[in-house]
Protein backbone atom coordinates (compact mmCIF):
# COMPACT_ATOMS: atom_id res chain seq x y z
CA MET A 1 79.88 -59.85 58.24
CA SER A 2 80.65 -57.74 55.17
CA THR A 3 80.20 -53.97 55.29
CA SER A 4 78.02 -54.37 52.19
CA ASP A 5 75.65 -56.70 54.02
CA PRO A 6 72.20 -55.08 54.42
CA GLU A 7 71.98 -56.11 58.07
CA PHE A 8 75.34 -54.50 58.82
CA ARG A 9 74.33 -51.30 57.03
CA ALA A 10 71.06 -51.17 58.97
CA ARG A 11 72.87 -51.59 62.29
CA PHE A 12 75.43 -48.95 61.35
CA GLU A 13 72.67 -46.53 60.37
CA GLN A 14 70.82 -47.19 63.62
CA MET A 15 74.03 -46.54 65.58
CA GLY A 16 74.44 -43.18 63.87
CA ARG A 17 70.83 -42.28 64.62
CA PHE A 18 71.33 -43.31 68.24
CA PHE A 19 74.10 -40.80 68.82
CA MET A 20 72.01 -38.14 67.08
CA GLY A 21 69.13 -38.91 69.45
CA THR A 22 66.78 -39.98 66.64
CA SER A 23 67.00 -43.79 66.93
CA ASP A 24 64.04 -46.11 67.36
CA VAL A 25 65.03 -46.46 71.02
CA HIS A 26 64.87 -42.70 71.58
CA ILE A 27 61.52 -42.44 69.82
CA ALA A 28 60.10 -45.39 71.79
CA MET A 29 61.35 -43.90 75.08
CA ALA A 30 59.82 -40.51 74.28
CA ARG A 31 56.46 -42.14 73.54
CA LEU A 32 56.68 -44.15 76.75
CA VAL A 33 57.54 -41.11 78.86
CA GLN A 34 54.63 -39.21 77.34
CA LYS A 35 52.22 -42.04 78.22
CA LEU A 36 53.56 -42.46 81.76
CA GLU A 37 53.20 -38.76 82.41
CA GLU A 38 49.75 -38.71 80.82
CA LEU A 39 48.72 -41.49 83.21
CA GLN A 40 50.48 -39.69 86.09
CA ILE A 41 52.61 -42.74 86.89
CA PRO A 42 55.86 -42.03 88.78
CA TYR A 43 58.82 -43.48 86.87
CA ALA A 44 62.57 -43.29 86.44
CA ILE A 45 64.48 -44.31 83.32
CA CYS A 46 67.43 -46.56 84.16
CA GLY A 47 69.71 -48.96 82.27
CA GLY A 48 71.58 -47.88 79.16
CA MET A 49 69.50 -44.78 78.51
CA ALA A 50 70.27 -43.51 82.02
CA VAL A 51 73.96 -44.27 81.47
CA ASN A 52 73.82 -41.97 78.43
CA ALA A 53 71.94 -39.28 80.34
CA HIS A 54 74.67 -39.32 82.99
CA GLY A 55 77.48 -38.77 80.53
CA HIS A 56 78.70 -42.12 79.15
CA GLU A 57 77.58 -42.33 75.53
CA ARG A 58 76.98 -45.87 74.36
CA THR A 59 74.29 -47.60 72.36
CA THR A 60 71.48 -49.72 73.74
CA THR A 61 68.60 -51.51 72.07
CA ASP A 62 65.96 -51.34 74.80
CA VAL A 63 64.49 -49.13 77.50
CA ASP A 64 64.59 -49.98 81.23
CA VAL A 65 62.14 -48.19 83.49
CA LEU A 66 61.71 -48.25 87.27
CA LEU A 67 58.08 -48.36 88.44
CA THR A 68 56.20 -49.38 91.54
CA PRO A 69 54.06 -52.53 91.21
CA GLU A 70 51.01 -50.26 91.32
CA GLY A 71 52.48 -48.14 88.54
CA LEU A 72 53.00 -51.18 86.35
CA ALA A 73 49.39 -52.29 86.87
CA GLN A 74 48.19 -48.79 86.02
CA PHE A 75 50.36 -48.68 82.89
CA LYS A 76 49.06 -52.01 81.65
CA GLU A 77 45.49 -50.94 82.20
CA GLY A 78 45.96 -47.64 80.40
CA ALA A 79 48.46 -48.48 77.67
CA LEU A 80 48.21 -52.08 76.47
CA GLY A 81 46.61 -52.16 73.07
CA ARG A 82 47.21 -48.41 72.75
CA GLY A 83 50.73 -48.48 71.39
CA TRP A 84 52.26 -51.18 73.58
CA VAL A 85 51.89 -54.96 73.60
CA GLU A 86 52.98 -57.54 76.15
CA LYS A 87 55.91 -59.76 75.15
CA PHE A 88 53.67 -62.66 76.12
CA PRO A 89 50.43 -62.84 78.12
CA GLY A 90 51.11 -61.70 81.69
CA SER A 91 54.64 -60.59 80.86
CA ARG A 92 56.12 -57.68 82.74
CA GLY A 93 57.99 -56.51 79.66
CA VAL A 94 56.31 -54.87 76.69
CA HIS A 95 57.16 -53.89 73.13
CA ASP A 96 56.54 -50.58 71.47
CA ALA A 97 53.98 -51.57 68.85
CA GLU A 98 55.44 -49.29 66.16
CA SER A 99 59.16 -49.90 66.51
CA ARG A 100 59.16 -53.23 68.38
CA VAL A 101 61.67 -51.72 70.82
CA SER A 102 61.65 -53.71 74.06
CA VAL A 103 60.69 -52.04 77.35
CA ARG A 104 61.68 -53.75 80.60
CA PHE A 105 60.08 -52.67 83.85
CA LEU A 106 62.02 -52.92 87.12
CA LEU A 107 59.86 -52.84 90.22
CA THR A 108 60.30 -51.15 93.58
CA GLY A 109 61.43 -53.63 96.23
CA GLU A 110 63.03 -56.08 93.82
CA VAL A 111 66.73 -56.94 93.73
CA PRO A 112 69.24 -56.09 90.99
CA GLY A 113 71.28 -58.85 89.37
CA ASP A 114 70.52 -62.51 89.95
CA GLY A 115 67.91 -61.87 92.63
CA THR A 116 70.19 -62.66 95.59
CA ASN A 117 69.36 -60.11 98.27
CA HIS A 118 72.42 -58.38 99.69
CA GLY A 119 70.46 -55.37 100.86
CA VAL A 120 70.34 -53.37 97.62
CA VAL A 121 66.79 -53.09 96.29
CA PHE A 122 65.10 -50.96 93.68
CA SER A 123 63.74 -47.82 95.30
CA ASP A 124 60.47 -46.01 94.75
CA PRO A 125 61.02 -43.92 91.59
CA VAL A 126 59.73 -40.81 93.36
CA THR A 127 62.70 -40.91 95.75
CA VAL A 128 65.47 -41.43 93.18
CA ALA A 129 64.32 -39.63 90.03
CA VAL A 130 66.04 -36.54 88.65
CA ASP A 131 64.95 -34.48 85.67
CA HIS A 132 67.11 -34.57 82.57
CA GLY A 133 65.88 -33.02 79.35
CA GLY A 134 62.27 -33.19 80.43
CA ALA A 135 62.28 -36.87 81.43
CA GLN A 136 62.83 -38.55 84.79
CA TYR A 137 65.97 -40.68 85.21
CA VAL A 138 67.44 -42.45 88.21
CA SER A 139 70.01 -40.30 89.95
CA LEU A 140 73.68 -40.91 89.31
CA GLY A 141 74.24 -42.45 92.75
CA THR A 142 71.30 -44.79 92.33
CA LEU A 143 72.44 -45.82 88.85
CA VAL A 144 75.96 -46.59 90.06
CA GLU A 145 74.60 -48.57 93.00
CA MET A 146 72.22 -50.56 90.77
CA LYS A 147 74.97 -51.32 88.25
CA LEU A 148 77.38 -52.45 90.97
CA ALA A 149 74.80 -54.71 92.63
CA SER A 150 73.90 -56.24 89.27
CA GLY A 151 77.49 -56.74 88.18
CA LEU A 152 78.46 -58.36 91.49
CA THR A 153 75.80 -61.07 91.28
CA ALA A 154 74.89 -61.47 87.60
CA LEU A 155 78.12 -62.80 86.10
CA ASP A 156 76.61 -62.71 82.64
CA ARG A 157 76.39 -58.90 82.83
CA PRO A 158 80.04 -57.68 82.95
CA GLY A 159 78.98 -54.58 81.05
CA ASP A 160 77.39 -53.22 84.22
CA LEU A 161 80.80 -52.90 85.89
CA GLY A 162 82.25 -51.40 82.74
CA ASP A 163 79.49 -48.80 82.81
CA VAL A 164 80.46 -47.89 86.38
CA ILE A 165 84.09 -47.32 85.36
CA GLN A 166 82.97 -45.01 82.56
CA LEU A 167 80.50 -43.15 84.78
CA ILE A 168 83.29 -42.57 87.30
CA ARG A 169 85.48 -41.14 84.54
CA LYS A 170 82.84 -39.06 82.80
CA ASN A 171 81.56 -37.54 86.05
CA ARG A 172 84.97 -37.33 87.73
CA LEU A 173 83.66 -39.13 90.77
CA GLY A 174 85.96 -39.38 93.75
CA GLU A 175 86.78 -42.40 95.85
CA HIS A 176 84.68 -40.84 98.62
CA PHE A 177 81.58 -41.26 96.43
CA ALA A 178 81.48 -44.78 97.86
CA ASP A 179 80.44 -43.39 101.24
CA ALA A 180 76.96 -42.59 99.91
CA LEU A 181 76.45 -46.10 98.47
CA HIS A 182 75.11 -49.22 100.13
CA PRO A 183 77.83 -51.00 102.17
CA TYR A 184 77.53 -54.12 100.01
CA VAL A 185 78.77 -52.32 96.88
CA ARG A 186 81.34 -49.96 98.45
CA PRO A 187 84.38 -52.27 98.13
CA LYS A 188 83.61 -52.92 94.44
CA TYR A 189 83.14 -49.21 93.79
CA ARG A 190 86.55 -48.44 95.32
CA GLU A 191 88.14 -51.22 93.25
CA LEU A 192 86.61 -49.88 90.03
CA TRP A 193 87.50 -46.32 91.02
CA GLY A 194 91.13 -47.46 91.05
CA TYR A 195 90.78 -48.86 87.52
CA ALA A 196 89.12 -45.64 86.40
CA GLN A 197 92.24 -43.67 87.30
CA ARG A 198 94.18 -45.67 84.70
CA PRO A 199 92.40 -44.95 81.40
CA ASN A 200 94.01 -47.83 79.51
CA ASP A 201 93.22 -50.46 82.13
CA LEU A 202 90.09 -52.54 82.56
CA PRO A 203 89.44 -55.17 85.20
CA GLU A 204 90.01 -58.76 84.23
């Protein structure tokens, strides 16, 4: 794709806006947070936006949010048709009506990755949320655990393990950090921790 191509220029501009915190994704997330708090729905931002909040700056095109099933039902009742639309009738995911940014809801009790249950499940957002810049994000430990569980089972999501390596580096996490994680993901954490000590190396 040529650098003079309009689509390339638009993507490049959006990337610049992302790192300035003014992208469509940031605006959509801010609107979503405002609505969730207005409706008094417990939530925790996860996914790429949480990765950024915890120190590893990279772009993302959507917003992932942890809710309880009751919270999702409450959001749909109070927000659909008022700035958000379902991706399709009955869909869990929604779009911001203004920007068309995609919002994906993860629900308490469900399993990261391909759905195979190895003991790691999404927690109640109340128990894992931490405040960052006025919004609620999953804690660093929870984010690392979710990314590891996803990367171990969803082979089409290698970026999750790459995120863990960068989070280890950016937060200077020690090998002992594994002790606070679910036993299923501890060996993978220790393996990636080893890679993180060698800045030029990435796992095959």
